[in-house]
Amino acid sequence: MRPLFPLLLPICVTNLLASELATVFILAIVAVVVLVVVFGGTRYVRREERHPAPVDDDRLKRLEQAVDAIALEVERIAEGQRFTTKLLSERRAEESPARTAAKEPARQEPPSNKPND
């Protein structure tokens, strides 16, 4: 049997299994997708370089104010967390001696089997 594409693909199609054909087909699709992504991506980047987005000073100032407000609120939250942690550690330190005394019963020595002299 003659090859399908004698110069480009010297493979006889009838000798290929269905899984081999599927593999070749999937690889061809992947190659096309990669080429489209690479060339399309570079084209998009070049277009963006030629026409950069305009900078809106008013919008930039509002964004800066919003970020400052968020930073202030995060600092308040962190301060509250530090305060709460301090209170809990102080409370635990005060209760610690009382807890250890309550948890550990008084030790009694077991009776010895030695006769008293």
N, C-alpha and C. Protein backbone atom coordinates (compact mmCIF):
# COMPACT_ATOMS: atom_id res chain seq x y z
N MET A 1 0.84 -1.18 0.00
CA MET A 1 0.00 0.00 0.00
C MET A 1 0.88 1.23 0.00
N ARG A 2 0.46 2.27 -0.70
CA ARG A 2 1.22 3.51 -0.81
C ARG A 2 1.03 4.38 0.42
N PRO A 3 2.09 5.09 0.86
CA PRO A 3 1.92 6.03 1.97
C PRO A 3 0.99 7.17 1.58
N LEU A 4 0.32 7.74 2.58
CA LEU A 4 -0.64 8.81 2.32
C LEU A 4 0.07 10.09 1.86
N PHE A 5 1.11 10.49 2.56
CA PHE A 5 1.89 11.65 2.19
C PHE A 5 3.34 11.21 2.03
N PRO A 6 3.79 10.88 0.86
CA PRO A 6 5.12 10.28 0.72
C PRO A 6 6.25 11.20 1.15
N LEU A 7 6.13 12.50 0.95
CA LEU A 7 7.23 13.40 1.31
C LEU A 7 7.13 13.89 2.76
N LEU A 8 5.94 14.14 3.23
CA LEU A 8 5.78 14.71 4.56
C LEU A 8 5.66 13.67 5.65
N LEU A 9 4.92 12.63 5.42
CA LEU A 9 4.65 11.65 6.45
C LEU A 9 4.77 10.24 5.86
N PRO A 10 5.96 9.66 5.92
CA PRO A 10 6.12 8.35 5.29
C PRO A 10 5.59 7.21 6.15
N ILE A 11 4.34 7.27 6.50
CA ILE A 11 3.70 6.24 7.31
C ILE A 11 2.49 5.72 6.55
N CYS A 12 2.35 4.46 6.49
CA CYS A 12 1.20 3.87 5.83
C CYS A 12 0.03 3.88 6.81
N VAL A 13 -1.06 4.51 6.47
CA VAL A 13 -2.17 4.71 7.37
C VAL A 13 -2.81 3.39 7.77
N THR A 14 -2.82 2.44 6.92
CA THR A 14 -3.47 1.16 7.26
C THR A 14 -2.69 0.39 8.30
N ASN A 15 -1.41 0.65 8.45
CA ASN A 15 -0.61 -0.07 9.43
C ASN A 15 -0.73 0.53 10.84
N LEU A 16 -1.32 1.72 10.95
CA LEU A 16 -1.45 2.37 12.24
C LEU A 16 -2.66 1.83 12.99
N LEU A 17 -2.49 1.70 14.26
CA LEU A 17 -3.61 1.31 15.10
C LEU A 17 -4.45 2.54 15.40
N ALA A 18 -5.64 2.32 15.88
CA ALA A 18 -6.53 3.44 16.19
C ALA A 18 -5.95 4.30 17.30
N SER A 19 -5.30 3.69 18.28
CA SER A 19 -4.72 4.48 19.38
C SER A 19 -3.57 5.35 18.89
N GLU A 20 -2.79 4.83 17.93
CA GLU A 20 -1.69 5.63 17.38
C GLU A 20 -2.23 6.81 16.58
N LEU A 21 -3.31 6.58 15.84
CA LEU A 21 -3.93 7.68 15.09
C LEU A 21 -4.48 8.74 16.05
N ALA A 22 -5.10 8.30 17.12
CA ALA A 22 -5.63 9.24 18.10
C ALA A 22 -4.51 10.03 18.74
N THR A 23 -3.40 9.37 19.05
CA THR A 23 -2.26 10.05 19.66
C THR A 23 -1.69 11.11 18.72
N VAL A 24 -1.52 10.77 17.46
CA VAL A 24 -1.01 11.72 16.47
C VAL A 24 -1.97 12.90 16.32
N PHE A 25 -3.26 12.60 16.29
CA PHE A 25 -4.26 13.66 16.15
C PHE A 25 -4.23 14.61 17.35
N ILE A 26 -4.15 14.05 18.56
CA ILE A 26 -4.12 14.89 19.77
C ILE A 26 -2.85 15.73 19.81
N LEU A 27 -1.71 15.14 19.45
CA LEU A 27 -0.46 15.91 19.41
C LEU A 27 -0.53 17.05 18.40
N ALA A 28 -1.17 16.80 17.27
CA ALA A 28 -1.32 17.86 16.26
C ALA A 28 -2.19 19.00 16.81
N ILE A 29 -3.25 18.65 17.50
CA ILE A 29 -4.12 19.68 18.08
C ILE A 29 -3.37 20.47 19.14
N VAL A 30 -2.61 19.80 20.00
CA VAL A 30 -1.84 20.48 21.04
C VAL A 30 -0.82 21.42 20.41
N ALA A 31 -0.17 20.98 19.35
CA ALA A 31 0.82 21.83 18.68
C ALA A 31 0.17 23.08 18.11
N VAL A 32 -0.99 22.93 17.52
CA VAL A 32 -1.69 24.09 16.96
C VAL A 32 -2.11 25.05 18.07
N VAL A 33 -2.62 24.53 19.17
CA VAL A 33 -3.03 25.38 20.29
C VAL A 33 -1.84 26.12 20.86
N VAL A 34 -0.71 25.44 21.02
CA VAL A 34 0.49 26.10 21.56
C VAL A 34 0.94 27.21 20.62
N LEU A 35 0.95 26.95 19.33
CA LEU A 35 1.36 27.99 18.38
C LEU A 35 0.42 29.18 18.41
N VAL A 36 -0.88 28.94 18.49
CA VAL A 36 -1.84 30.04 18.55
C VAL A 36 -1.65 30.86 19.82
N VAL A 37 -1.44 30.19 20.93
CA VAL A 37 -1.26 30.91 22.20
C VAL A 37 0.02 31.72 22.17
N VAL A 38 1.11 31.14 21.70
CA VAL A 38 2.39 31.85 21.68
C VAL A 38 2.33 33.05 20.75
N PHE A 39 1.89 32.84 19.52
CA PHE A 39 1.87 33.95 18.57
C PHE A 39 0.78 34.97 18.91
N GLY A 40 -0.36 34.50 19.38
CA GLY A 40 -1.41 35.42 19.79
C GLY A 40 -1.02 36.23 21.01
N GLY A 41 -0.33 35.59 21.95
CA GLY A 41 0.12 36.29 23.15
C GLY A 41 1.14 37.36 22.85
N THR A 42 2.10 37.04 21.99
CA THR A 42 3.09 38.06 21.64
C THR A 42 2.45 39.20 20.87
N ARG A 43 1.49 38.89 20.05
CA ARG A 43 0.80 39.95 19.31
C ARG A 43 0.02 40.86 20.27
N TYR A 44 -0.63 40.26 21.28
CA TYR A 44 -1.38 41.04 22.26
C TYR A 44 -0.45 41.94 23.07
N VAL A 45 0.70 41.39 23.47
CA VAL A 45 1.65 42.17 24.26
C VAL A 45 2.19 43.33 23.44
N ARG A 46 2.51 43.09 22.20
CA ARG A 46 3.02 44.17 21.35
C ARG A 46 1.97 45.25 21.14
N ARG A 47 0.71 44.85 21.02
CA ARG A 47 -0.36 45.84 20.83
C ARG A 47 -0.50 46.69 22.08
N GLU A 48 -0.40 46.07 23.28
CA GLU A 48 -0.49 46.80 24.53
C GLU A 48 0.69 47.75 24.71
N GLU A 49 1.86 47.37 24.21
CA GLU A 49 3.02 48.23 24.33
C GLU A 49 2.85 49.49 23.48
N ARG A 50 2.21 49.34 22.33
CA ARG A 50 2.00 50.49 21.46
C ARG A 50 0.94 51.44 21.99
N HIS A 51 -0.09 50.90 22.65
CA HIS A 51 -1.19 51.72 23.15
C HIS A 51 -1.39 51.47 24.64
N PRO A 52 -0.57 52.09 25.48
CA PRO A 52 -0.74 51.86 26.92
C PRO A 52 -2.04 52.51 27.41
N ALA A 53 -2.58 51.97 28.48
CA ALA A 53 -3.81 52.51 29.05
C ALA A 53 -3.54 53.87 29.67
N PRO A 54 -4.46 54.81 29.49
CA PRO A 54 -4.24 56.14 30.07
C PRO A 54 -4.34 56.10 31.60
N VAL A 55 -3.56 56.96 32.25
CA VAL A 55 -3.56 57.02 33.71
C VAL A 55 -4.52 58.12 34.14
N ASP A 56 -5.49 57.75 34.95
CA ASP A 56 -6.48 58.70 35.44
C ASP A 56 -6.06 59.11 36.86
N ASP A 57 -5.63 60.37 37.03
CA ASP A 57 -5.11 60.82 38.32
C ASP A 57 -6.17 60.77 39.42
N ASP A 58 -7.42 61.12 39.10
CA ASP A 58 -8.48 61.11 40.09
C ASP A 58 -8.74 59.68 40.58
N ARG A 59 -8.79 58.77 39.65
CA ARG A 59 -9.02 57.37 40.02
C ARG A 59 -7.85 56.82 40.82
N LEU A 60 -6.65 57.20 40.46
CA LEU A 60 -5.47 56.75 41.19
C LEU A 60 -5.46 57.29 42.62
N LYS A 61 -5.90 58.53 42.82
CA LYS A 61 -5.97 59.10 44.17
C LYS A 61 -7.02 58.37 45.03
N ARG A 62 -8.16 58.05 44.43
CA ARG A 62 -9.19 57.31 45.17
C ARG A 62 -8.69 55.92 45.55
N LEU A 63 -7.99 55.30 44.64
CA LEU A 63 -7.43 53.98 44.93
C LEU A 63 -6.41 54.06 46.07
N GLU A 64 -5.58 55.08 46.06
CA GLU A 64 -4.59 55.26 47.12
C GLU A 64 -5.27 55.50 48.46
N GLN A 65 -6.34 56.30 48.48
CA GLN A 65 -7.07 56.54 49.72
C GLN A 65 -7.73 55.26 50.24
N ALA A 66 -8.25 54.47 49.33
CA ALA A 66 -8.88 53.21 49.73
C ALA A 66 -7.85 52.25 50.33
N VAL A 67 -6.68 52.18 49.73
CA VAL A 67 -5.63 51.31 50.26
C VAL A 67 -5.18 51.80 51.62
N ASP A 68 -5.06 53.11 51.80
CA ASP A 68 -4.68 53.65 53.11
C ASP A 68 -5.74 53.33 54.17
N ALA A 69 -7.00 53.44 53.81
CA ALA A 69 -8.08 53.12 54.76
C ALA A 69 -8.05 51.64 55.14
N ILE A 70 -7.82 50.79 54.17
CA ILE A 70 -7.73 49.36 54.45
C ILE A 70 -6.55 49.07 55.36
N ALA A 71 -5.42 49.71 55.10
CA ALA A 71 -4.24 49.50 55.94
C ALA A 71 -4.51 49.93 57.38
N LEU A 72 -5.23 51.03 57.55
CA LEU A 72 -5.56 51.50 58.89
C LEU A 72 -6.47 50.50 59.62
N GLU A 73 -7.46 49.97 58.93
CA GLU A 73 -8.36 48.99 59.54
C GLU A 73 -7.62 47.69 59.89
N VAL A 74 -6.72 47.28 59.03
CA VAL A 74 -5.95 46.07 59.33
C VAL A 74 -5.07 46.29 60.56
N GLU A 75 -4.51 47.48 60.69
CA GLU A 75 -3.69 47.78 61.87
C GLU A 75 -4.55 47.77 63.13
N ARG A 76 -5.77 48.27 63.05
CA ARG A 76 -6.68 48.23 64.21
C ARG A 76 -7.02 46.80 64.59
N ILE A 77 -7.28 45.98 63.60
CA ILE A 77 -7.58 44.57 63.87
C ILE A 77 -6.38 43.89 64.53
N ALA A 78 -5.18 44.17 64.02
CA ALA A 78 -3.97 43.56 64.59
C ALA A 78 -3.77 44.02 66.04
N GLU A 79 -4.03 45.28 66.31
CA GLU A 79 -3.88 45.79 67.68
C GLU A 79 -4.88 45.11 68.62
N GLY A 80 -6.11 44.93 68.16
CA GLY A 80 -7.10 44.23 68.97
C GLY A 80 -6.71 42.79 69.23
N GLN A 81 -6.13 42.15 68.24
CA GLN A 81 -5.69 40.76 68.41
C GLN A 81 -4.53 40.69 69.41
N ARG A 82 -3.59 41.64 69.33
CA ARG A 82 -2.49 41.65 70.30
C ARG A 82 -3.02 41.87 71.71
N PHE A 83 -4.00 42.77 71.86
CA PHE A 83 -4.57 43.04 73.18
C PHE A 83 -5.26 41.80 73.74
N THR A 84 -6.06 41.14 72.89
CA THR A 84 -6.76 39.94 73.33
C THR A 84 -5.78 38.83 73.72
N THR A 85 -4.74 38.67 72.94
CA THR A 85 -3.73 37.66 73.25
C THR A 85 -3.05 37.96 74.57
N LYS A 86 -2.77 39.24 74.82
CA LYS A 86 -2.13 39.64 76.08
C LYS A 86 -3.04 39.33 77.26
N LEU A 87 -4.33 39.66 77.13
CA LEU A 87 -5.26 39.37 78.22
C LEU A 87 -5.37 37.88 78.49
N LEU A 88 -5.46 37.09 77.43
CA LEU A 88 -5.58 35.64 77.62
C LEU A 88 -4.31 35.05 78.25
N SER A 89 -3.15 35.54 77.85
CA SER A 89 -1.93 34.99 78.43
C SER A 89 -1.78 35.41 79.89
N GLU A 90 -2.21 36.63 80.24
CA GLU A 90 -2.16 37.05 81.64
C GLU A 90 -3.13 36.23 82.49
N ARG A 91 -4.33 35.98 81.97
CA ARG A 91 -5.31 35.19 82.69
C ARG A 91 -4.81 33.76 82.90
N ARG A 92 -4.19 33.21 81.89
CA ARG A 92 -3.67 31.86 82.00
C ARG A 92 -2.51 31.80 83.00
N ALA A 93 -1.69 32.85 83.03
CA ALA A 93 -0.58 32.87 83.98
C ALA A 93 -1.09 32.96 85.42
N GLU A 94 -2.18 33.71 85.64
CA GLU A 94 -2.76 33.82 86.98
C GLU A 94 -3.40 32.50 87.41
N GLU A 95 -4.05 31.81 86.49
CA GLU A 95 -4.74 30.57 86.82
C GLU A 95 -3.79 29.37 86.84
N SER A 96 -2.63 29.51 86.29
CA SER A 96 -1.72 28.38 86.16
C SER A 96 -1.34 27.73 87.49
N PRO A 97 -0.92 28.48 88.53
CA PRO A 97 -0.59 27.81 89.79
C PRO A 97 -1.81 27.13 90.41
N ALA A 98 -2.96 27.76 90.34
CA ALA A 98 -4.17 27.17 90.91
C ALA A 98 -4.56 25.90 90.15
N ARG A 99 -4.41 25.91 88.86
CA ARG A 99 -4.75 24.74 88.04
C ARG A 99 -3.84 23.57 88.37
N THR A 100 -2.55 23.84 88.45
CA THR A 100 -1.63 22.72 88.71
C THR A 100 -1.88 22.13 90.09
N ALA A 101 -2.25 22.98 91.06
CA ALA A 101 -2.53 22.46 92.40
C ALA A 101 -3.82 21.64 92.38
N ALA A 102 -4.80 22.07 91.63
CA ALA A 102 -6.07 21.36 91.57
C ALA A 102 -5.94 20.05 90.78
N LYS A 103 -5.12 20.06 89.75
CA LYS A 103 -4.99 18.87 88.92
C LYS A 103 -4.17 17.78 89.59
N GLU A 104 -3.15 18.16 90.32
CA GLU A 104 -2.28 17.17 90.94
C GLU A 104 -2.74 16.89 92.37
N PRO A 105 -3.24 15.71 92.63
CA PRO A 105 -3.64 15.40 94.00
C PRO A 105 -2.39 15.28 94.89
N ALA A 106 -2.61 15.44 96.17
CA ALA A 106 -1.48 15.35 97.11
C ALA A 106 -0.91 13.95 97.04
N ARG A 107 0.40 13.87 96.98
CA ARG A 107 1.05 12.57 96.87
C ARG A 107 1.15 11.90 98.24
N GLN A 108 0.75 10.69 98.26
CA GLN A 108 0.90 9.90 99.47
C GLN A 108 1.82 8.74 99.15
N GLU A 109 2.71 8.51 100.08
CA GLU A 109 3.63 7.41 99.84
C GLU A 109 2.91 6.10 100.11
N PRO A 110 3.15 5.12 99.27
CA PRO A 110 2.50 3.82 99.50
C PRO A 110 3.06 3.18 100.77
N PRO A 111 2.24 2.43 101.45
CA PRO A 111 2.74 1.79 102.68
C PRO A 111 3.86 0.82 102.36
N SER A 112 4.84 0.83 103.20
CA SER A 112 5.97 -0.06 102.95
C SER A 112 5.73 -1.39 103.66
N ASN A 113 6.35 -2.39 103.18
CA ASN A 113 6.22 -3.72 103.75
C ASN A 113 7.28 -3.99 104.81
N LYS A 114 8.06 -2.99 105.13
CA LYS A 114 9.10 -3.17 106.13
C LYS A 114 8.51 -3.10 107.53
N PRO A 115 8.98 -3.94 108.38
CA PRO A 115 8.50 -3.85 109.76
C PRO A 115 9.08 -2.62 110.45
N ASN A 116 8.28 -2.05 111.32
CA ASN A 116 8.74 -0.88 112.07
C ASN A 116 9.72 -1.29 113.16
N ASP A 117 10.79 -0.59 113.28
CA ASP A 117 11.78 -0.92 114.30
C ASP A 117 11.53 -0.19 115.55
